[in-house]
Amino acid sequence: MTKESPRIEEYLEYIYKLQEMHESATTSKLAQRLELAPSSVSEMLKQLEQKGLVEYAEKGVVLTKEGELKARKVIRKHRLSERLLTDILGFKWDKVHEEACRLEHDISSEMEDKIEEKLGNPRTCPHGYPIPDKEGLIVQDNTVKLSELKANEKGVIISVFEENSEMLQYLGSLGLYPEIEVKVKSVAPFGGPILIRVPGSEISVGKELAEKIMVQRK
């Protein structure tokens, strides 16, 4: 498989992550995430379409089979790097994303395998996202956003959005980590906060934050 440039890999990775969060990969969202002008993003998306890596959908773009496989190859290196940083080097979970972004494009396949072996073949990154295997295969969890749960529904936190350090610090202070079980006590109307119960306490979570937490219904 032909290796793409770091810039193309970055686009594929972000499109994949938006799909993982059940969000449309629109030009505006990509421009915001990549901190680029919408016109620059539109031009790159045309190039990706010509290379057969994305195709246009009703809203934004989606990865083709080849594009998704290449995205997973990059994401595998990113998430293994995050695990290396937390498990071996002692970084906190809110500090590893940016560091992993620097590492992911330069890790060789041999180093990638050595990191995985050293870490004991981890299944997820520190934020709960699955790590693809060497072939790009991944175990997909049937997840929904915490904001989609209704009163009295239960769920287990599977993953949390990893790119906002302050948000991760806040979630950590509340004890909202992957594998924690939550129960929705009530949902305020008109986009108001969600009251959830976690082991030992009840917490009020704003809708915007709840949309960044993926759970598996119980």
C-alpha atoms as a PDB file:
ATOM      1  CA  MET A   1       0.000   0.000   0.000  1.00  0.00           C
ATOM      2  CA  THR A   2       1.415   3.368  -1.048  1.00  0.00           C
ATOM      3  CA  LYS A   3       2.279   5.653   1.870  1.00  0.00           C
ATOM      4  CA  GLU A   4       0.609   9.037   1.665  1.00  0.00           C
ATOM      5  CA  SER A   5       2.044  12.397   2.715  1.00  0.00           C
ATOM      6  CA  PRO A   6       1.638  13.461   6.362  1.00  0.00           C
ATOM      7  CA  ARG A   7      -0.907  16.097   5.267  1.00  0.00           C
ATOM      8  CA  ILE A   8      -3.099  13.533   3.477  1.00  0.00           C
ATOM      9  CA  GLU A   9      -2.753  11.135   6.404  1.00  0.00           C
ATOM     10  CA  GLU A  10      -3.933  13.925   8.708  1.00  0.00           C
ATOM     11  CA  TYR A  11      -7.056  14.520   6.614  1.00  0.00           C
ATOM     12  CA  LEU A  12      -7.888  10.811   6.474  1.00  0.00           C
ATOM     13  CA  GLU A  13      -7.415  10.536  10.218  1.00  0.00           C
ATOM     14  CA  TYR A  14      -9.731  13.437  11.012  1.00  0.00           C
ATOM     15  CA  ILE A  15     -12.430  12.242   8.627  1.00  0.00           C
ATOM     16  CA  TYR A  16     -12.255   8.816  10.266  1.00  0.00           C
ATOM     17  CA  LYS A  17     -12.525  10.341  13.749  1.00  0.00           C
ATOM     18  CA  LEU A  18     -15.592  12.353  12.772  1.00  0.00           C
ATOM     19  CA  GLN A  19     -17.200   9.173  11.467  1.00  0.00           C
ATOM     20  CA  GLU A  20     -16.243   7.453  14.723  1.00  0.00           C
ATOM     21  CA  MET A  21     -18.093  10.181  16.629  1.00  0.00           C
ATOM     22  CA  HIS A  22     -21.131   9.686  14.367  1.00  0.00           C
ATOM     23  CA  GLU A  23     -20.629  13.132  12.842  1.00  0.00           C
ATOM     24  CA  SER A  24     -20.601  14.253   9.203  1.00  0.00           C
ATOM     25  CA  ALA A  25     -17.198  15.153   7.772  1.00  0.00           C
ATOM     26  CA  THR A  26     -18.167  18.534   6.361  1.00  0.00           C
ATOM     27  CA  THR A  27     -15.779  21.134   4.994  1.00  0.00           C
ATOM     28  CA  SER A  28     -16.535  23.492   7.884  1.00  0.00           C
ATOM     29  CA  LYS A  29     -15.856  20.855  10.569  1.00  0.00           C
ATOM     30  CA  LEU A  30     -12.601  19.794   8.932  1.00  0.00           C
ATOM     31  CA  ALA A  31     -11.531  23.424   8.544  1.00  0.00           C
ATOM     32  CA  GLN A  32     -12.191  24.007  12.236  1.00  0.00           C
ATOM     33  CA  ARG A  33     -10.390  20.847  13.379  1.00  0.00           C
ATOM     34  CA  LEU A  34      -7.395  21.414  11.070  1.00  0.00           C
ATOM     35  CA  GLU A  35      -7.366  25.192  11.616  1.00  0.00           C
ATOM     36  CA  LEU A  36      -7.415  25.876   7.873  1.00  0.00           C
ATOM     37  CA  ALA A  37      -9.462  28.019   5.524  1.00  0.00           C
ATOM     38  CA  PRO A  38     -12.549  26.229   4.093  1.00  0.00           C
ATOM     39  CA  SER A  39     -11.233  26.877   0.571  1.00  0.00           C
ATOM     40  CA  SER A  40      -8.006  24.984   1.370  1.00  0.00           C
ATOM     41  CA  VAL A  41     -10.005  22.079   2.783  1.00  0.00           C
ATOM     42  CA  SER A  42     -12.280  21.967  -0.283  1.00  0.00           C
ATOM     43  CA  GLU A  43      -9.243  21.785  -2.568  1.00  0.00           C
ATOM     44  CA  MET A  44      -7.712  18.930  -0.592  1.00  0.00           C
ATOM     45  CA  LEU A  45     -10.997  17.006  -0.535  1.00  0.00           C
ATOM     46  CA  LYS A  46     -11.080  17.196  -4.334  1.00  0.00           C
ATOM     47  CA  GLN A  47      -7.572  15.710  -4.419  1.00  0.00           C
ATOM     48  CA  LEU A  48      -8.584  12.947  -2.035  1.00  0.00           C
ATOM     49  CA  GLU A  49     -11.590  12.172  -4.228  1.00  0.00           C
ATOM     50  CA  GLN A  50      -9.366  11.966  -7.304  1.00  0.00           C
ATOM     51  CA  LYS A  51      -7.083   9.545  -5.453  1.00  0.00           C
ATOM     52  CA  GLY A  52     -10.086   7.371  -4.586  1.00  0.00           C
ATOM     53  CA  LEU A  53      -9.766   7.928  -0.847  1.00  0.00           C
ATOM     54  CA  VAL A  54     -13.043   9.779  -0.197  1.00  0.00           C
ATOM     55  CA  GLU A  55     -16.372  10.205  -1.898  1.00  0.00           C
ATOM     56  CA  TYR A  56     -18.989  12.893  -1.498  1.00  0.00           C
ATOM     57  CA  ALA A  57     -22.107  12.051   0.479  1.00  0.00           C
ATOM     58  CA  GLU A  58     -25.300  13.926   1.338  1.00  0.00           C
ATOM     59  CA  LYS A  59     -23.372  15.825   4.005  1.00  0.00           C
ATOM     60  CA  GLY A  60     -19.647  16.221   3.516  1.00  0.00           C
ATOM     61  CA  VAL A  61     -17.445  13.281   2.561  1.00  0.00           C
ATOM     62  CA  VAL A  62     -17.005   9.679   3.649  1.00  0.00           C
ATOM     63  CA  LEU A  63     -13.950   7.473   3.369  1.00  0.00           C
ATOM     64  CA  THR A  64     -13.819   4.855   0.657  1.00  0.00           C
ATOM     65  CA  LYS A  65     -12.678   1.350   1.587  1.00  0.00           C
ATOM     66  CA  GLU A  66      -9.099   2.229   0.631  1.00  0.00           C
ATOM     67  CA  GLY A  67      -9.282   5.570   2.432  1.00  0.00           C
ATOM     68  CA  GLU A  68     -10.594   3.947   5.599  1.00  0.00           C
ATOM     69  CA  LEU A  69      -7.845   1.320   5.573  1.00  0.00           C
ATOM     70  CA  LYS A  70      -5.150   3.995   5.208  1.00  0.00           C
ATOM     71  CA  ALA A  71      -6.763   6.051   7.965  1.00  0.00           C
ATOM     72  CA  ARG A  72      -6.710   3.065  10.301  1.00  0.00           C
ATOM     73  CA  LYS A  73      -3.010   2.484   9.611  1.00  0.00           C
ATOM     74  CA  VAL A  74      -2.253   6.028  10.802  1.00  0.00           C
ATOM     75  CA  ILE A  75      -4.647   5.778  13.733  1.00  0.00           C
ATOM     76  CA  ARG A  76      -2.992   2.518  14.836  1.00  0.00           C
ATOM     77  CA  LYS A  77       0.347   4.335  15.154  1.00  0.00           C
ATOM     78  CA  HIS A  78      -1.289   7.292  16.894  1.00  0.00           C
ATOM     79  CA  ARG A  79      -3.085   5.213  19.495  1.00  0.00           C
ATOM     80  CA  LEU A  80      -0.108   2.958  20.158  1.00  0.00           C
ATOM     81  CA  SER A  81       1.957   6.129  20.639  1.00  0.00           C
ATOM     82  CA  GLU A  82      -0.579   7.401  23.161  1.00  0.00           C
ATOM     83  CA  ARG A  83      -0.369   4.115  25.050  1.00  0.00           C
ATOM     84  CA  LEU A  84       3.437   4.280  25.025  1.00  0.00           C
ATOM     85  CA  LEU A  85       3.321   7.799  26.424  1.00  0.00           C
ATOM     86  CA  THR A  86       0.886   6.963  29.235  1.00  0.00           C
ATOM     87  CA  ASP A  87       1.847   3.397  30.133  1.00  0.00           C
ATOM     88  CA  ILE A  88       5.632   3.584  29.793  1.00  0.00           C
ATOM     89  CA  LEU A  89       6.593   7.257  29.966  1.00  0.00           C
ATOM     90  CA  GLY A  90       4.029   8.314  32.546  1.00  0.00           C
ATOM     91  CA  PHE A  91       2.226  11.076  30.645  1.00  0.00           C
ATOM     92  CA  LYS A  92      -1.289  11.972  31.808  1.00  0.00           C
ATOM     93  CA  TRP A  93      -4.134  11.161  29.434  1.00  0.00           C
ATOM     94  CA  ASP A  94      -4.797  14.846  28.748  1.00  0.00           C
ATOM     95  CA  LYS A  95      -1.226  15.439  27.491  1.00  0.00           C
ATOM     96  CA  VAL A  96      -0.653  12.632  24.993  1.00  0.00           C
ATOM     97  CA  HIS A  97      -2.702  13.570  21.922  1.00  0.00           C
ATOM     98  CA  GLU A  98      -0.446  16.330  20.604  1.00  0.00           C
ATOM     99  CA  GLU A  99       2.691  14.307  21.298  1.00  0.00           C
ATOM    100  CA  ALA A 100       1.233  11.305  19.444  1.00  0.00           C
ATOM    101  CA  CYS A 101       0.379  13.537  16.469  1.00  0.00           C
ATOM    102  CA  ARG A 102       4.088  14.293  16.148  1.00  0.00           C
ATOM    103  CA  LEU A 103       5.092  10.643  16.349  1.00  0.00           C
ATOM    104  CA  GLU A 104       2.493   8.929  14.167  1.00  0.00           C
ATOM    105  CA  HIS A 105       3.914   9.900  10.758  1.00  0.00           C
ATOM    106  CA  ASP A 106       7.486   8.802  11.519  1.00  0.00           C
ATOM    107  CA  ILE A 107       7.084   5.460  13.289  1.00  0.00           C
ATOM    108  CA  SER A 108       8.320   2.562  11.165  1.00  0.00           C
ATOM    109  CA  SER A 109       6.386  -0.703  10.905  1.00  0.00           C
ATOM    110  CA  GLU A 110       9.114  -2.452  12.895  1.00  0.00           C
ATOM    111  CA  MET A 111       8.934   0.098  15.713  1.00  0.00           C
ATOM    112  CA  GLU A 112       5.142  -0.061  15.634  1.00  0.00           C
ATOM    113  CA  ASP A 113       5.283  -3.827  16.235  1.00  0.00           C
ATOM    114  CA  LYS A 114       7.862  -3.444  19.005  1.00  0.00           C
ATOM    115  CA  ILE A 115       5.728  -0.851  20.788  1.00  0.00           C
ATOM    116  CA  GLU A 116       2.674  -3.095  20.580  1.00  0.00           C
ATOM    117  CA  GLU A 117       4.643  -6.075  21.923  1.00  0.00           C
ATOM    118  CA  LYS A 118       6.170  -4.011  24.748  1.00  0.00           C
ATOM    119  CA  LEU A 119       2.715  -2.775  25.767  1.00  0.00           C
ATOM    120  CA  GLY A 120       1.219  -6.272  25.783  1.00  0.00           C
ATOM    121  CA  ASN A 121      -1.012  -5.822  22.721  1.00  0.00           C
ATOM    122  CA  PRO A 122      -3.418  -3.197  24.118  1.00  0.00           C
ATOM    123  CA  ARG A 123      -6.925  -3.105  22.649  1.00  0.00           C
ATOM    124  CA  THR A 124      -7.644   0.586  23.206  1.00  0.00           C
ATOM    125  CA  CYS A 125      -5.912   3.940  23.546  1.00  0.00           C
ATOM    126  CA  PRO A 126      -6.025   5.799  26.902  1.00  0.00           C
ATOM    127  CA  HIS A 127      -9.244   7.516  25.812  1.00  0.00           C
ATOM    128  CA  GLY A 128     -11.017   4.245  25.039  1.00  0.00           C
ATOM    129  CA  TYR A 129     -10.828   4.158  21.229  1.00  0.00           C
ATOM    130  CA  PRO A 130      -9.998   0.763  19.680  1.00  0.00           C
ATOM    131  CA  ILE A 131      -6.518   0.208  18.242  1.00  0.00           C
ATOM    132  CA  PRO A 132      -6.608  -1.338  14.742  1.00  0.00           C
ATOM    133  CA  ASP A 133      -4.490  -4.444  14.209  1.00  0.00           C
ATOM    134  CA  LYS A 134      -1.624  -4.674  11.694  1.00  0.00           C
ATOM    135  CA  GLU A 135      -4.067  -5.363   8.864  1.00  0.00           C
ATOM    136  CA  GLY A 136      -6.163  -2.341   9.743  1.00  0.00           C
ATOM    137  CA  LEU A 137      -8.967  -4.449  11.184  1.00  0.00           C
ATOM    138  CA  ILE A 138     -10.817  -3.073  14.168  1.00  0.00           C
ATOM    139  CA  VAL A 139     -13.430  -4.258  16.648  1.00  0.00           C
ATOM    140  CA  GLN A 140     -16.349  -1.851  16.312  1.00  0.00           C
ATOM    141  CA  ASP A 141     -18.370  -1.073  19.408  1.00  0.00           C
ATOM    142  CA  ASN A 142     -22.069  -0.312  19.049  1.00  0.00           C
ATOM    143  CA  THR A 143     -21.892   3.109  20.656  1.00  0.00           C
ATOM    144  CA  VAL A 144     -24.064   6.204  20.957  1.00  0.00           C
ATOM    145  CA  LYS A 145     -23.408   9.633  22.399  1.00  0.00           C
ATOM    146  CA  LEU A 146     -24.192  10.066  26.085  1.00  0.00           C
ATOM    147  CA  SER A 147     -26.497  12.896  25.004  1.00  0.00           C
ATOM    148  CA  GLU A 148     -28.684  10.321  23.199  1.00  0.00           C
ATOM    149  CA  LEU A 149     -29.541   8.385  26.347  1.00  0.00           C
ATOM    150  CA  LYS A 150     -32.924   9.059  27.901  1.00  0.00           C
ATOM    151  CA  ALA A 151     -33.953   9.198  31.546  1.00  0.00           C
ATOM    152  CA  ASN A 152     -33.427   5.875  33.370  1.00  0.00           C
ATOM    153  CA  GLU A 153     -31.227   4.460  30.590  1.00  0.00           C
ATOM    154  CA  LYS A 154     -27.841   3.000  31.528  1.00  0.00           C
ATOM    155  CA  GLY A 155     -24.614   2.851  29.599  1.00  0.00           C
ATOM    156  CA  VAL A 156     -20.911   2.150  29.933  1.00  0.00           C
ATOM    157  CA  ILE A 157     -18.454   4.826  28.821  1.00  0.00           C
ATOM    158  CA  ILE A 158     -16.492   3.453  25.868  1.00  0.00           C
ATOM    159  CA  SER A 159     -14.483   6.470  24.717  1.00  0.00           C
ATOM    160  CA  VAL A 160     -14.136  10.226  25.157  1.00  0.00           C
ATOM    161  CA  PHE A 161     -13.026  12.953  22.763  1.00  0.00           C
ATOM    162  CA  GLU A 162      -9.256  13.176  23.185  1.00  0.00           C
ATOM    163  CA  GLU A 163      -8.270  16.467  21.578  1.00  0.00           C
ATOM    164  CA  ASN A 164      -9.295  18.923  24.292  1.00  0.00           C
ATOM    165  CA  SER A 165      -6.856  18.792  27.185  1.00  0.00           C
ATOM    166  CA  GLU A 166      -8.964  20.937  29.534  1.00  0.00           C
ATOM    167  CA  MET A 167     -12.014  18.788  28.880  1.00  0.00           C
ATOM    168  CA  LEU A 168     -10.047  15.622  29.676  1.00  0.00           C
ATOM    169  CA  GLN A 169      -8.811  17.148  32.923  1.00  0.00           C
ATOM    170  CA  TYR A 170     -12.402  17.997  33.835  1.00  0.00           C
ATOM    171  CA  LEU A 171     -13.688  14.533  32.966  1.00  0.00           C
ATOM    172  CA  GLY A 172     -10.897  13.025  35.031  1.00  0.00           C
ATOM    173  CA  SER A 173     -11.867  15.193  38.005  1.00  0.00           C
ATOM    174  CA  LEU A 174     -15.413  13.822  37.722  1.00  0.00           C
ATOM    175  CA  GLY A 175     -14.187  10.246  37.391  1.00  0.00           C
ATOM    176  CA  LEU A 176     -15.680   9.892  33.898  1.00  0.00           C
ATOM    177  CA  TYR A 177     -13.232   7.434  32.370  1.00  0.00           C
ATOM    178  CA  PRO A 178     -13.753   4.583  29.878  1.00  0.00           C
ATOM    179  CA  GLU A 179     -15.423   1.494  31.424  1.00  0.00           C
ATOM    180  CA  ILE A 180     -17.340   3.566  34.015  1.00  0.00           C
ATOM    181  CA  GLU A 181     -21.062   2.775  34.161  1.00  0.00           C
ATOM    182  CA  VAL A 182     -23.492   5.691  34.103  1.00  0.00           C
ATOM    183  CA  LYS A 183     -27.239   5.999  34.546  1.00  0.00           C
ATOM    184  CA  VAL A 184     -29.201   8.983  33.284  1.00  0.00           C
ATOM    185  CA  LYS A 185     -31.407  10.319  36.054  1.00  0.00           C
ATOM    186  CA  SER A 186     -32.995  13.187  34.125  1.00  0.00           C
ATOM    187  CA  VAL A 187     -32.606  15.252  30.956  1.00  0.00           C
ATOM    188  CA  ALA A 188     -33.420  18.964  31.087  1.00  0.00           C
ATOM    189  CA  PRO A 189     -35.467  20.261  28.139  1.00  0.00           C
ATOM    190  CA  PHE A 190     -34.283  22.637  25.402  1.00  0.00           C
ATOM    191  CA  GLY A 191     -30.718  21.383  25.328  1.00  0.00           C
ATOM    192  CA  GLY A 192     -30.248  21.650  29.068  1.00  0.00           C
ATOM    193  CA  PRO A 193     -27.885  19.556  31.223  1.00  0.00           C
ATOM    194  CA  ILE A 194     -28.114  15.826  31.806  1.00  0.00           C
ATOM    195  CA  LEU A 195     -28.061  14.503  35.362  1.00  0.00           C
ATOM    196  CA  ILE A 196     -26.185  11.202  35.517  1.00  0.00           C
ATOM    197  CA  ARG A 197     -25.349   8.788  38.301  1.00  0.00           C
ATOM    198  CA  VAL A 198     -21.882   7.248  38.495  1.00  0.00           C
ATOM    199  CA  PRO A 199     -20.533   5.048  41.287  1.00  0.00           C
ATOM    200  CA  GLY A 200     -20.691   7.135  44.446  1.00  0.00           C
ATOM    201  CA  SER A 201     -22.188  10.384  43.139  1.00  0.00           C
ATOM    202  CA  GLU A 202     -24.524  12.244  40.807  1.00  0.00           C
ATOM    203  CA  ILE A 203     -23.123  14.649  38.203  1.00  0.00           C
ATOM    204  CA  SER A 204     -24.709  17.272  35.976  1.00  0.00           C
ATOM    205  CA  VAL A 205     -23.205  17.213  32.467  1.00  0.00           C
ATOM    206  CA  GLY A 206     -23.870  19.838  29.795  1.00  0.00           C
ATOM    207  CA  LYS A 207     -25.184  18.654  26.437  1.00  0.00           C
ATOM    208  CA  GLU A 208     -22.081  19.804  24.559  1.00  0.00           C
ATOM    209  CA  LEU A 209     -19.868  17.721  26.837  1.00  0.00           C
ATOM    210  CA  ALA A 210     -22.264  14.753  26.730  1.00  0.00           C
ATOM    211  CA  GLU A 211     -21.898  14.715  22.931  1.00  0.00           C
ATOM    212  CA  LYS A 212     -18.163  14.067  23.348  1.00  0.00           C
ATOM    213  CA  ILE A 213     -18.680  10.924  25.434  1.00  0.00           C
ATOM    214  CA  MET A 214     -19.484   7.668  23.632  1.00  0.00           C
ATOM    215  CA  VAL A 215     -21.313   4.981  25.583  1.00  0.00           C
ATOM    216  CA  GLN A 216     -22.621   1.480  25.019  1.00  0.00           C
ATOM    217  CA  ARG A 217     -26.190   1.004  26.159  1.00  0.00           C
ATOM    218  CA  LYS A 218     -26.822  -1.629  28.812  1.00  0.00           C
END
